Amino acid sequence: MLIEKNKDYWYVLQTRSRFEKKCQEMLSAAGIPVFLPLQTKKKIWSDRIKEVSEPLFPGYIFVQYTESDRYKILNTPGISRFVSFGGKYAAVHPKQMQAIEKVLDSGNTIEVINMDLVSGQEVHITSGPFKGHFARLIQHNGKGKLLLAVESIGQGVLLEVGRTRVEETTQFSRN
């Protein structure tokens, strides 16, 4: 979503590879509201299995900021740039951020995919922890899954929700 500066929206920052957590720590210490969605994954090495927290969107973090914070943000080690399109910073609506938090809190298996890969039927979730949200129903690996879109970075969150928990809609809400 491209909009004019709004204090309630979350703005997308691109980070250096594997610097997301460090950037989050530094921005948070500077008093800037920052959100780094993390998911826990099991990693298997030859000698052990360990649960690690990894960014849901590698290379991106989200901030809310005032204009006086912009210089401080851009001079934070590891921050590459604000993601922008057409000269405007990419912004994510607070409801989309809440939906991402719900997905993470639900304990469902989460898979992030490139949104350019597939498109499908638009649905409204009618029950469960995601009730009231809109998503795209897609086929992925032969299973019916829902895609919650984070369009400003061209990615989405893929999760399984029973087909009986959704209804077809003709209007996809991006608010």
C-alpha atoms as a PDB file:
ATOM      1  CA  MET A   1       0.000   0.000   0.000  1.00  0.00           C
ATOM      2  CA  LEU A   2       1.413   3.390  -0.943  1.00  0.00           C
ATOM      3  CA  ILE A   3       0.191   6.296   1.149  1.00  0.00           C
ATOM      4  CA  GLU A   4       1.222   9.629   2.516  1.00  0.00           C
ATOM      5  CA  LYS A   5       2.989   9.559   5.899  1.00  0.00           C
ATOM      6  CA  ASN A   6       0.645   8.393   8.648  1.00  0.00           C
ATOM      7  CA  LYS A   7       1.791   7.747  12.222  1.00  0.00           C
ATOM      8  CA  ASP A   8      -0.407   4.645  12.589  1.00  0.00           C
ATOM      9  CA  TYR A   9       1.019   2.825   9.575  1.00  0.00           C
ATOM     10  CA  TRP A  10       4.074   0.614   9.685  1.00  0.00           C
ATOM     11  CA  TYR A  11       6.821   1.441   7.198  1.00  0.00           C
ATOM     12  CA  VAL A  12       9.005  -1.209   5.621  1.00  0.00           C
ATOM     13  CA  LEU A  13      12.781  -1.122   6.039  1.00  0.00           C
ATOM     14  CA  GLN A  14      15.170  -3.310   4.127  1.00  0.00           C
ATOM     15  CA  THR A  15      18.129  -4.610   6.125  1.00  0.00           C
ATOM     16  CA  ARG A  16      21.426  -6.204   5.288  1.00  0.00           C
ATOM     17  CA  SER A  17      21.249  -9.974   5.134  1.00  0.00           C
ATOM     18  CA  ARG A  18      20.891 -11.521   8.612  1.00  0.00           C
ATOM     19  CA  PHE A  19      20.864  -8.106  10.345  1.00  0.00           C
ATOM     20  CA  GLU A  20      17.133  -8.034  11.151  1.00  0.00           C
ATOM     21  CA  LYS A  21      17.428  -8.853  14.867  1.00  0.00           C
ATOM     22  CA  LYS A  22      20.385  -6.536  15.421  1.00  0.00           C
ATOM     23  CA  CYS A  23      18.585  -3.668  13.651  1.00  0.00           C
ATOM     24  CA  GLN A  24      15.481  -4.324  15.746  1.00  0.00           C
ATOM     25  CA  GLU A  25      17.537  -4.122  18.952  1.00  0.00           C
ATOM     26  CA  MET A  26      19.258  -0.872  17.951  1.00  0.00           C
ATOM     27  CA  LEU A  27      16.062   0.855  16.769  1.00  0.00           C
ATOM     28  CA  SER A  28      14.171  -0.277  19.860  1.00  0.00           C
ATOM     29  CA  ALA A  29      16.986   1.038  22.091  1.00  0.00           C
ATOM     30  CA  ALA A  30      16.676   4.372  20.250  1.00  0.00           C
ATOM     31  CA  GLY A  31      12.974   4.531  21.195  1.00  0.00           C
ATOM     32  CA  ILE A  32      11.596   3.809  17.723  1.00  0.00           C
ATOM     33  CA  PRO A  33       8.597   1.442  17.553  1.00  0.00           C
ATOM     34  CA  VAL A  34       9.823  -1.569  15.588  1.00  0.00           C
ATOM     35  CA  PHE A  35       8.219  -4.891  14.667  1.00  0.00           C
ATOM     36  CA  LEU A  36      10.151  -7.941  13.527  1.00  0.00           C
ATOM     37  CA  PRO A  37       7.840 -10.920  13.025  1.00  0.00           C
ATOM     38  CA  LEU A  38       9.737 -14.047  14.081  1.00  0.00           C
ATOM     39  CA  GLN A  39       8.820 -17.695  13.745  1.00  0.00           C
ATOM     40  CA  THR A  40      10.361 -20.658  15.519  1.00  0.00           C
ATOM     41  CA  LYS A  41      11.776 -23.405  13.317  1.00  0.00           C
ATOM     42  CA  LYS A  42      13.599 -26.627  14.070  1.00  0.00           C
ATOM     43  CA  LYS A  43      17.070 -26.717  12.545  1.00  0.00           C
ATOM     44  CA  ILE A  44      18.840 -30.023  12.148  1.00  0.00           C
ATOM     45  CA  TRP A  45      22.604 -30.245  12.180  1.00  0.00           C
ATOM     46  CA  SER A  46      24.683 -33.394  12.059  1.00  0.00           C
ATOM     47  CA  ASP A  47      25.159 -33.391  15.834  1.00  0.00           C
ATOM     48  CA  ARG A  48      21.991 -31.736  17.192  1.00  0.00           C
ATOM     49  CA  ILE A  49      18.494 -30.430  16.663  1.00  0.00           C
ATOM     50  CA  LYS A  50      17.733 -26.921  17.853  1.00  0.00           C
ATOM     51  CA  GLU A  51      14.761 -24.547  17.759  1.00  0.00           C
ATOM     52  CA  VAL A  52      15.711 -21.132  16.379  1.00  0.00           C
ATOM     53  CA  SER A  53      13.769 -17.901  15.825  1.00  0.00           C
ATOM     54  CA  GLU A  54      13.976 -16.641  12.265  1.00  0.00           C
ATOM     55  CA  PRO A  55      12.459 -13.572  10.614  1.00  0.00           C
ATOM     56  CA  LEU A  56       9.165 -14.289   8.881  1.00  0.00           C
ATOM     57  CA  PHE A  57      10.203 -11.857   6.123  1.00  0.00           C
ATOM     58  CA  PRO A  58      13.990 -12.147   5.762  1.00  0.00           C
ATOM     59  CA  GLY A  59      15.612  -8.818   5.004  1.00  0.00           C
ATOM     60  CA  TYR A  60      12.709  -6.664   6.242  1.00  0.00           C
ATOM     61  CA  ILE A  61      11.580  -5.020   9.473  1.00  0.00           C
ATOM     62  CA  PHE A  62       8.716  -2.620  10.137  1.00  0.00           C
ATOM     63  CA  VAL A  63       8.838   0.722  11.962  1.00  0.00           C
ATOM     64  CA  GLN A  64       6.548   3.527  13.021  1.00  0.00           C
ATOM     65  CA  TYR A  65       8.407   6.809  13.074  1.00  0.00           C
ATOM     66  CA  THR A  66       8.267  10.576  13.152  1.00  0.00           C
ATOM     67  CA  GLU A  67      10.079  12.682  10.582  1.00  0.00           C
ATOM     68  CA  SER A  68      12.699  13.604  13.194  1.00  0.00           C
ATOM     69  CA  ASP A  69      13.545   9.858  13.517  1.00  0.00           C
ATOM     70  CA  ARG A  70      14.152   9.299   9.786  1.00  0.00           C
ATOM     71  CA  TYR A  71      17.828  10.303   9.862  1.00  0.00           C
ATOM     72  CA  LYS A  72      18.445   8.156  12.957  1.00  0.00           C
ATOM     73  CA  ILE A  73      16.785   5.168  11.277  1.00  0.00           C
ATOM     74  CA  LEU A  74      18.727   5.479   8.035  1.00  0.00           C
ATOM     75  CA  ASN A  75      22.017   5.799   9.925  1.00  0.00           C
ATOM     76  CA  THR A  76      21.423   2.663  11.963  1.00  0.00           C
ATOM     77  CA  PRO A  77      24.071   0.048  11.060  1.00  0.00           C
ATOM     78  CA  GLY A  78      22.466  -2.712   8.999  1.00  0.00           C
ATOM     79  CA  ILE A  79      19.565  -0.618   7.649  1.00  0.00           C
ATOM     80  CA  SER A  80      19.801  -0.408   3.860  1.00  0.00           C
ATOM     81  CA  ARG A  81      16.823   1.772   3.007  1.00  0.00           C
ATOM     82  CA  PHE A  82      13.139   2.477   3.332  1.00  0.00           C
ATOM     83  CA  VAL A  83      11.297   0.381   0.765  1.00  0.00           C
ATOM     84  CA  SER A  84       9.589   2.763  -1.628  1.00  0.00           C
ATOM     85  CA  PHE A  85       7.594   2.737  -4.835  1.00  0.00           C
ATOM     86  CA  GLY A  86       7.057   5.773  -7.017  1.00  0.00           C
ATOM     87  CA  GLY A  87       8.823   8.038  -4.537  1.00  0.00           C
ATOM     88  CA  LYS A  88       6.563   7.069  -1.604  1.00  0.00           C
ATOM     89  CA  TYR A  89       7.535   4.840   1.287  1.00  0.00           C
ATOM     90  CA  ALA A  90       5.829   1.453   1.334  1.00  0.00           C
ATOM     91  CA  ALA A  91       3.431   1.259   4.268  1.00  0.00           C
ATOM     92  CA  VAL A  92       1.461  -1.520   5.886  1.00  0.00           C
ATOM     93  CA  HIS A  93      -1.944  -0.855   7.431  1.00  0.00           C
ATOM     94  CA  PRO A  94      -2.150  -1.577  11.194  1.00  0.00           C
ATOM     95  CA  LYS A  95      -4.856  -4.210  10.564  1.00  0.00           C
ATOM     96  CA  GLN A  96      -2.457  -6.151   8.333  1.00  0.00           C
ATOM     97  CA  MET A  97       0.172  -6.044  11.077  1.00  0.00           C
ATOM     98  CA  GLN A  98      -2.410  -7.319  13.576  1.00  0.00           C
ATOM     99  CA  ALA A  99      -3.255 -10.155  11.182  1.00  0.00           C
ATOM    100  CA  ILE A 100       0.423 -11.124  11.008  1.00  0.00           C
ATOM    101  CA  GLU A 101       0.614 -11.118  14.821  1.00  0.00           C
ATOM    102  CA  LYS A 102      -2.485 -13.354  14.994  1.00  0.00           C
ATOM    103  CA  VAL A 103      -0.927 -15.771  12.531  1.00  0.00           C
ATOM    104  CA  LEU A 104       2.247 -15.962  14.600  1.00  0.00           C
ATOM    105  CA  ASP A 105       0.332 -16.332  17.886  1.00  0.00           C
ATOM    106  CA  SER A 106      -1.936 -19.063  16.490  1.00  0.00           C
ATOM    107  CA  GLY A 107       0.788 -21.686  16.388  1.00  0.00           C
ATOM    108  CA  ASN A 108      -0.157 -22.635  12.820  1.00  0.00           C
ATOM    109  CA  THR A 109       2.560 -23.682  10.437  1.00  0.00           C
ATOM    110  CA  ILE A 110       3.555 -20.600   8.455  1.00  0.00           C
ATOM    111  CA  GLU A 111       5.135 -20.474   5.050  1.00  0.00           C
ATOM    112  CA  VAL A 112       6.070 -17.219   3.308  1.00  0.00           C
ATOM    113  CA  ILE A 113       5.838 -17.313  -0.460  1.00  0.00           C
ATOM    114  CA  ASN A 114       6.352 -14.843  -3.273  1.00  0.00           C
ATOM    115  CA  MET A 115       2.900 -13.483  -4.143  1.00  0.00           C
ATOM    116  CA  ASP A 116       3.724 -13.450  -7.857  1.00  0.00           C
ATOM    117  CA  LEU A 117       3.674 -17.270  -7.902  1.00  0.00           C
ATOM    118  CA  VAL A 118      -0.097 -17.815  -7.703  1.00  0.00           C
ATOM    119  CA  SER A 119      -3.379 -16.015  -7.453  1.00  0.00           C
ATOM    120  CA  GLY A 120      -6.846 -17.286  -6.645  1.00  0.00           C
ATOM    121  CA  GLN A 121     -10.249 -16.839  -5.166  1.00  0.00           C
ATOM    122  CA  GLU A 122     -10.793 -14.036  -2.676  1.00  0.00           C
ATOM    123  CA  VAL A 123     -12.347 -15.143   0.612  1.00  0.00           C
ATOM    124  CA  HIS A 124     -13.563 -13.726   3.908  1.00  0.00           C
ATOM    125  CA  ILE A 125     -12.608 -15.762   7.000  1.00  0.00           C
ATOM    126  CA  THR A 126     -15.793 -16.408   8.971  1.00  0.00           C
ATOM    127  CA  SER A 127     -14.566 -18.250  12.082  1.00  0.00           C
ATOM    128  CA  GLY A 128     -11.484 -19.125  14.066  1.00  0.00           C
ATOM    129  CA  PRO A 129      -8.622 -16.868  15.181  1.00  0.00           C
ATOM    130  CA  PHE A 130      -8.578 -15.016  11.834  1.00  0.00           C
ATOM    131  CA  LYS A 131     -12.311 -14.247  11.764  1.00  0.00           C
ATOM    132  CA  GLY A 132     -13.064 -11.008   9.939  1.00  0.00           C
ATOM    133  CA  HIS A 133      -9.905 -10.970   7.822  1.00  0.00           C
ATOM    134  CA  PHE A 134      -9.751 -11.252   4.061  1.00  0.00           C
ATOM    135  CA  ALA A 135      -7.357 -13.545   2.225  1.00  0.00           C
ATOM    136  CA  ARG A 136      -6.734 -15.250  -1.083  1.00  0.00           C
ATOM    137  CA  LEU A 137      -7.477 -18.950  -1.390  1.00  0.00           C
ATOM    138  CA  ILE A 138      -4.706 -20.669  -3.297  1.00  0.00           C
ATOM    139  CA  GLN A 139      -3.490 -24.129  -4.164  1.00  0.00           C
ATOM    140  CA  HIS A 140      -0.023 -24.840  -2.880  1.00  0.00           C
ATOM    141  CA  ASN A 141       1.548 -28.319  -2.879  1.00  0.00           C
ATOM    142  CA  GLY A 142      -1.884 -29.752  -3.673  1.00  0.00           C
ATOM    143  CA  LYS A 143      -3.478 -28.381  -0.479  1.00  0.00           C
ATOM    144  CA  GLY A 144      -6.028 -25.598  -0.151  1.00  0.00           C
ATOM    145  CA  LYS A 145      -4.432 -22.835   1.879  1.00  0.00           C
ATOM    146  CA  LEU A 146      -5.048 -19.152   2.582  1.00  0.00           C
ATOM    147  CA  LEU A 147      -2.680 -16.347   1.758  1.00  0.00           C
ATOM    148  CA  LEU A 148      -2.682 -13.229   3.962  1.00  0.00           C
ATOM    149  CA  ALA A 149      -1.075 -10.583   1.781  1.00  0.00           C
ATOM    150  CA  VAL A 150       1.611  -8.098   2.791  1.00  0.00           C
ATOM    151  CA  GLU A 151       1.617  -6.410  -0.577  1.00  0.00           C
ATOM    152  CA  SER A 152       4.050  -3.608   0.175  1.00  0.00           C
ATOM    153  CA  ILE A 153       6.917  -6.104   0.167  1.00  0.00           C
ATOM    154  CA  GLY A 154       5.441  -8.467  -2.406  1.00  0.00           C
ATOM    155  CA  GLN A 155       5.120 -11.379   0.002  1.00  0.00           C
ATOM    156  CA  GLY A 156       2.384 -13.119   1.912  1.00  0.00           C
ATOM    157  CA  VAL A 157       1.824 -15.455   4.821  1.00  0.00           C
ATOM    158  CA  LEU A 158       0.565 -18.892   3.844  1.00  0.00           C
ATOM    159  CA  LEU A 159      -1.462 -20.889   6.372  1.00  0.00           C
ATOM    160  CA  GLU A 160      -3.947 -23.708   6.406  1.00  0.00           C
ATOM    161  CA  VAL A 161      -7.502 -22.840   7.384  1.00  0.00           C
ATOM    162  CA  GLY A 162     -10.411 -25.209   6.861  1.00  0.00           C
ATOM    163  CA  ARG A 163     -12.522 -24.483   3.777  1.00  0.00           C
ATOM    164  CA  THR A 164     -15.629 -24.393   5.972  1.00  0.00           C
ATOM    165  CA  ARG A 165     -14.213 -21.350   7.798  1.00  0.00           C
ATOM    166  CA  VAL A 166     -14.259 -19.117   4.726  1.00  0.00           C
ATOM    167  CA  GLU A 167     -16.834 -17.679   2.370  1.00  0.00           C
ATOM    168  CA  GLU A 168     -16.420 -16.312  -1.125  1.00  0.00           C
ATOM    169  CA  THR A 169     -16.350 -12.553  -1.487  1.00  0.00           C
ATOM    170  CA  THR A 170     -16.195 -10.222  -4.447  1.00  0.00           C
ATOM    171  CA  GLN A 171     -14.313  -7.489  -2.617  1.00  0.00           C
ATOM    172  CA  PHE A 172     -10.810  -8.037  -1.285  1.00  0.00           C
ATOM    173  CA  SER A 173     -10.223  -5.700   1.693  1.00  0.00           C
ATOM    174  CA  ARG A 174      -6.777  -4.136   1.882  1.00  0.00           C
ATOM    175  CA  ASN A 175      -7.606  -2.052   4.960  1.00  0.00           C
END
